[in-house]
Amino acid sequence: MTVGFGQAPGRGSATLPSLVTVAHGTRLSAGNRVAVAITAQARRRLEVPGTTSYVELCRPRFTDVMAGSHGPSVAVPLLLSSGFHTRVDLPAAVARSPYPVRLAGPLGPHPLLAEVMLRRLLGACARPDDPVVMAAAGSNDPAALVDLAEMTRLLQRRWDAPVHLATVTGCGPRLFDTVAAARTGGRVAVVPYLLAPGHFLGQVRRRAASAGASLVADVIGADPLVAELVVRRFAAALRDQSRAA
């Protein structure tokens, strides 16, 4: 049976392409397990085979998964913004597949991610009037900065007090300076705009603490809403392919 791209997720999805997720990868095993958990949730909802892969620092590498693929697939980046990986690395890897591959867009910006970060703030006992600093890894890519600004706006819609963007690297306001400037009455909450624990979470925690942050919330993690977002990206990729056919 030939597997095509024109089907919608749901039962009878044996004709659907498989799901391949691609996370950045980290040397911290707990961080890599987040991608595995998200993929498992999304795969079950879609009722398709699913594979977790990584850009770097962990195996299997996305390039190897693509080169060794055994049928059509939809690749969903577990990345929060546009950037070099989404524009260059991932399309180059997709080109190595012997079968059709549809590359979905990154997870963010999206209101579901704002909802998860709201949960993380409340779970860390942030007060409704606490100013918030959304701490992202950062990038030198202008498209990434546009995405981060939009994500900040989406979180601001869910939070009563001001929300500020800060980045650890690349272009954008520095985390230490932003936290120090945002402190109101001695309080400021930091929420990492990071999918999983790893190098950047450590940087966020250290810099936030040195700037006097009252709390640092947890990462986004393998929340069911993230799996739902993967399902939506998968479905959108199928619709785009169907319209292009």
Protein backbone atom coordinates (compact mmCIF):
# COMPACT_ATOMS: atom_id res chain seq x y z
CA MET A 1 0.00 0.00 0.00
CA THR A 2 1.34 3.44 -0.90
CA VAL A 3 1.49 5.84 2.02
CA GLY A 4 0.36 9.35 1.13
CA PHE A 5 0.25 12.78 2.71
CA GLY A 6 -3.35 13.71 2.13
CA GLN A 7 -5.01 12.11 5.16
CA ALA A 8 -6.19 13.74 8.38
CA PRO A 9 -5.14 12.42 11.81
CA GLY A 10 -7.53 9.99 13.46
CA ARG A 11 -8.56 6.40 13.28
CA GLY A 12 -7.73 4.51 10.18
CA SER A 13 -4.43 6.36 10.09
CA ALA A 14 -2.48 3.41 8.70
CA THR A 15 -2.23 5.50 5.55
CA LEU A 16 -0.65 8.39 7.41
CA PRO A 17 3.08 9.09 7.23
CA SER A 18 5.09 8.45 10.36
CA LEU A 19 5.98 11.14 12.89
CA VAL A 20 9.60 12.17 13.37
CA THR A 21 10.31 14.76 16.03
CA VAL A 22 13.61 16.59 16.18
CA ALA A 23 14.80 18.30 19.34
CA HIS A 24 18.00 20.25 19.71
CA GLY A 25 19.66 17.72 22.01
CA THR A 26 21.61 18.16 25.22
CA ARG A 27 24.30 16.35 27.17
CA LEU A 28 21.80 16.03 30.03
CA SER A 29 19.89 12.77 29.69
CA ALA A 30 16.87 14.17 31.55
CA GLY A 31 16.59 16.89 28.93
CA ASN A 32 16.62 14.40 26.07
CA ARG A 33 13.95 12.30 27.75
CA VAL A 34 11.55 15.23 27.50
CA ALA A 35 11.60 14.91 23.71
CA VAL A 36 10.98 11.16 23.98
CA ALA A 37 7.98 11.71 26.24
CA ILE A 38 6.46 14.36 23.99
CA THR A 39 6.89 12.14 20.95
CA ALA A 40 5.26 9.19 22.70
CA GLN A 41 2.21 11.26 23.64
CA ALA A 42 1.83 12.71 20.13
CA ARG A 43 2.37 9.33 18.46
CA ARG A 44 -0.41 7.77 20.54
CA ARG A 45 -2.82 10.57 19.69
CA LEU A 46 -2.03 10.38 15.99
CA GLU A 47 -1.93 6.56 15.97
CA VAL A 48 1.17 6.54 13.78
CA PRO A 49 4.73 5.28 14.26
CA GLY A 50 6.93 7.86 15.94
CA THR A 51 10.67 8.45 16.19
CA THR A 52 12.53 10.95 18.38
CA SER A 53 15.70 12.49 16.95
CA TYR A 54 18.09 15.32 17.73
CA VAL A 55 20.03 18.00 15.88
CA GLU A 56 23.16 17.35 17.93
CA LEU A 57 24.60 16.14 21.25
CA CYS A 58 22.38 13.05 21.36
CA ARG A 59 21.48 10.08 19.18
CA PRO A 60 19.78 9.31 16.94
CA ARG A 61 20.72 12.35 14.88
CA PHE A 62 18.01 13.76 12.65
CA THR A 63 20.32 13.50 9.63
CA ASP A 64 20.75 9.76 10.22
CA VAL A 65 17.03 9.17 10.76
CA MET A 66 16.22 10.93 7.51
CA ALA A 67 18.89 9.09 5.52
CA GLY A 68 17.69 5.75 6.89
CA SER A 69 13.94 6.36 6.66
CA HIS A 70 11.70 3.54 5.44
CA GLY A 71 8.69 5.53 4.27
CA PRO A 72 7.05 8.96 4.09
CA SER A 73 7.13 11.02 7.25
CA VAL A 74 6.28 14.37 8.77
CA ALA A 75 9.13 15.94 10.73
CA VAL A 76 8.06 18.20 13.58
CA PRO A 77 10.82 20.31 15.16
CA LEU A 78 10.65 20.42 18.96
CA LEU A 79 12.16 23.88 18.67
CA LEU A 80 10.51 26.99 20.05
CA SER A 81 11.50 29.56 17.41
CA SER A 82 12.62 29.93 13.83
CA GLY A 83 16.36 30.12 13.26
CA PHE A 84 19.35 28.55 11.58
CA HIS A 85 18.26 25.01 12.44
CA THR A 86 14.78 25.40 10.96
CA ARG A 87 16.01 27.29 7.89
CA VAL A 88 19.22 25.40 7.06
CA ASP A 89 20.07 22.29 9.11
CA LEU A 90 16.71 20.57 9.07
CA PRO A 91 15.88 21.13 5.37
CA ALA A 92 19.34 19.82 4.45
CA ALA A 93 18.72 16.67 6.49
CA VAL A 94 15.25 16.21 4.97
CA ALA A 95 16.83 16.27 1.52
CA ARG A 96 18.73 13.08 2.44
CA SER A 97 15.56 11.03 2.85
CA PRO A 98 14.79 8.53 0.07
CA TYR A 99 11.07 9.06 0.80
CA PRO A 100 8.83 12.15 0.89
CA VAL A 101 9.15 14.22 4.04
CA ARG A 102 7.06 17.19 5.07
CA LEU A 103 8.89 19.52 7.47
CA ALA A 104 6.53 21.26 9.89
CA GLY A 105 7.17 24.62 11.49
CA PRO A 106 8.69 25.11 14.96
CA LEU A 107 6.45 24.81 18.00
CA GLY A 108 6.50 28.49 18.85
CA PRO A 109 5.21 31.04 19.11
CA HIS A 110 1.81 29.63 20.09
CA PRO A 111 -0.85 30.30 22.75
CA LEU A 112 -0.56 26.72 24.06
CA LEU A 113 3.04 27.44 25.08
CA ALA A 114 1.88 30.56 26.90
CA GLU A 115 -0.64 28.42 28.76
CA VAL A 116 2.08 25.98 29.83
CA MET A 117 4.35 28.80 31.01
CA LEU A 118 1.43 30.23 32.99
CA ARG A 119 1.09 26.86 34.71
CA ARG A 120 4.81 26.81 35.46
CA LEU A 121 4.66 30.28 37.01
CA LEU A 122 1.70 29.39 39.19
CA GLY A 123 3.36 26.10 40.13
CA ALA A 124 6.41 28.05 41.32
CA CYS A 125 4.12 30.26 43.47
CA ALA A 126 4.50 33.41 41.41
CA ARG A 127 2.11 36.13 42.54
CA PRO A 128 -0.39 37.63 40.08
CA ASP A 129 1.25 41.05 40.47
CA ASP A 130 4.81 39.78 40.02
CA PRO A 131 6.53 41.17 36.92
CA VAL A 132 7.75 38.30 34.77
CA VAL A 133 10.87 37.85 32.70
CA MET A 134 10.55 35.24 29.95
CA ALA A 135 14.08 33.89 29.55
CA ALA A 136 14.92 32.38 26.16
CA ALA A 137 18.12 30.77 24.94
CA GLY A 138 18.49 33.47 22.25
CA SER A 139 19.66 33.63 18.66
CA ASN A 140 21.37 35.95 16.20
CA ASP A 141 18.68 35.18 13.61
CA PRO A 142 16.24 38.10 13.13
CA ALA A 143 13.38 35.64 12.55
CA ALA A 144 13.97 34.15 15.98
CA LEU A 145 13.73 37.57 17.60
CA VAL A 146 10.42 38.18 15.87
CA ASP A 147 9.13 34.86 17.21
CA LEU A 148 10.35 35.66 20.73
CA ALA A 149 8.65 39.04 20.70
CA GLU A 150 5.40 37.39 19.65
CA MET A 151 5.74 34.75 22.36
CA THR A 152 6.29 37.48 24.94
CA ARG A 153 3.09 39.15 23.74
CA LEU A 154 1.15 35.88 24.01
CA LEU A 155 2.33 35.32 27.57
CA GLN A 156 1.51 38.94 28.45
CA ARG A 157 -2.10 38.23 27.43
CA ARG A 158 -2.23 35.51 30.12
CA TRP A 159 -0.49 37.44 32.93
CA ASP A 160 -1.70 40.53 34.81
CA ALA A 161 1.70 42.12 35.52
CA PRO A 162 4.28 43.20 32.89
CA VAL A 163 6.13 40.49 30.96
CA HIS A 164 9.63 41.18 29.66
CA LEU A 165 11.81 39.24 27.23
CA ALA A 166 15.41 38.33 27.99
CA THR A 167 17.91 36.10 26.24
CA VAL A 168 20.94 34.18 27.42
CA THR A 169 22.85 34.44 24.14
CA GLY A 170 22.53 36.13 20.75
CA CYS A 171 20.62 39.33 20.16
CA GLY A 172 18.13 40.62 22.66
CA PRO A 173 18.09 42.09 26.15
CA ARG A 174 20.41 40.43 28.65
CA LEU A 175 18.85 38.35 31.39
CA PHE A 176 20.73 39.92 34.32
CA ASP A 177 19.91 43.47 33.26
CA THR A 178 16.27 42.67 32.49
CA VAL A 179 15.66 40.96 35.82
CA ALA A 180 17.33 43.78 37.73
CA ALA A 181 15.29 46.42 35.91
CA ALA A 182 11.99 44.55 36.23
CA ARG A 183 12.09 44.12 40.01
CA THR A 184 9.07 45.79 41.56
CA GLY A 185 8.96 45.95 45.32
CA GLY A 186 11.89 43.56 45.34
CA ARG A 187 10.07 40.83 43.38
CA VAL A 188 10.36 39.43 39.87
CA ALA A 189 9.55 35.97 38.53
CA VAL A 190 11.53 34.28 35.76
CA VAL A 191 9.96 31.68 33.48
CA PRO A 192 12.31 29.81 31.12
CA TYR A 193 11.18 29.68 27.53
CA LEU A 194 12.99 26.37 27.24
CA LEU A 195 11.55 22.99 26.38
CA ALA A 196 13.84 20.88 28.55
CA PRO A 197 16.56 21.12 31.19
CA GLY A 198 20.11 21.49 29.97
CA HIS A 199 22.90 24.03 29.60
CA PHE A 200 20.63 27.02 29.11
CA LEU A 201 18.45 26.27 32.13
CA GLY A 202 21.57 26.31 34.28
CA GLN A 203 22.53 29.67 32.80
CA VAL A 204 19.04 31.07 33.42
CA ARG A 205 19.01 29.96 37.03
CA ARG A 206 22.46 31.33 37.82
CA ARG A 207 21.94 34.69 36.14
CA ALA A 208 18.44 35.12 37.53
CA ALA A 209 19.65 34.40 41.06
CA SER A 210 22.58 36.82 40.75
CA ALA A 211 20.17 39.55 39.56
CA GLY A 212 17.87 39.03 42.54
CA ALA A 213 14.95 37.13 41.00
CA SER A 214 12.39 35.94 43.52
CA LEU A 215 11.85 32.63 41.73
CA VAL A 216 12.65 30.70 38.58
CA ALA A 217 9.85 28.51 37.27
CA ASP A 218 10.36 25.12 35.64
CA VAL A 219 10.90 24.52 31.93
CA ILE A 220 7.97 23.82 29.60
CA GLY A 221 8.66 20.09 29.64
CA ALA A 222 6.57 17.17 28.39
CA ASP A 223 3.24 18.81 29.07
CA PRO A 224 0.19 17.29 27.32
CA LEU A 225 -0.39 20.68 25.69
CA VAL A 226 2.99 20.42 24.00
CA ALA A 227 2.03 17.02 22.60
CA GLU A 228 -1.22 18.58 21.39
CA LEU A 229 0.83 21.26 19.63
CA VAL A 230 2.93 18.58 17.92
CA VAL A 231 -0.28 16.95 16.71
CA ARG A 232 -1.46 20.28 15.33
CA ARG A 233 1.86 20.89 13.55
CA PHE A 234 1.67 17.40 12.05
CA ALA A 235 -1.89 18.01 10.82
CA ALA A 236 -0.99 21.43 9.42
CA ALA A 237 1.90 19.91 7.47
CA LEU A 238 -0.49 17.39 5.92
CA ARG A 239 -2.93 20.12 4.95
CA ASP A 240 -0.16 22.19 3.39
CA GLN A 241 1.04 19.19 1.40
CA SER A 242 -2.50 18.42 0.25
CA ARG A 243 -3.03 21.97 -0.99
CA ALA A 244 0.31 21.91 -2.80
CA ALA A 245 -0.49 18.62 -4.57
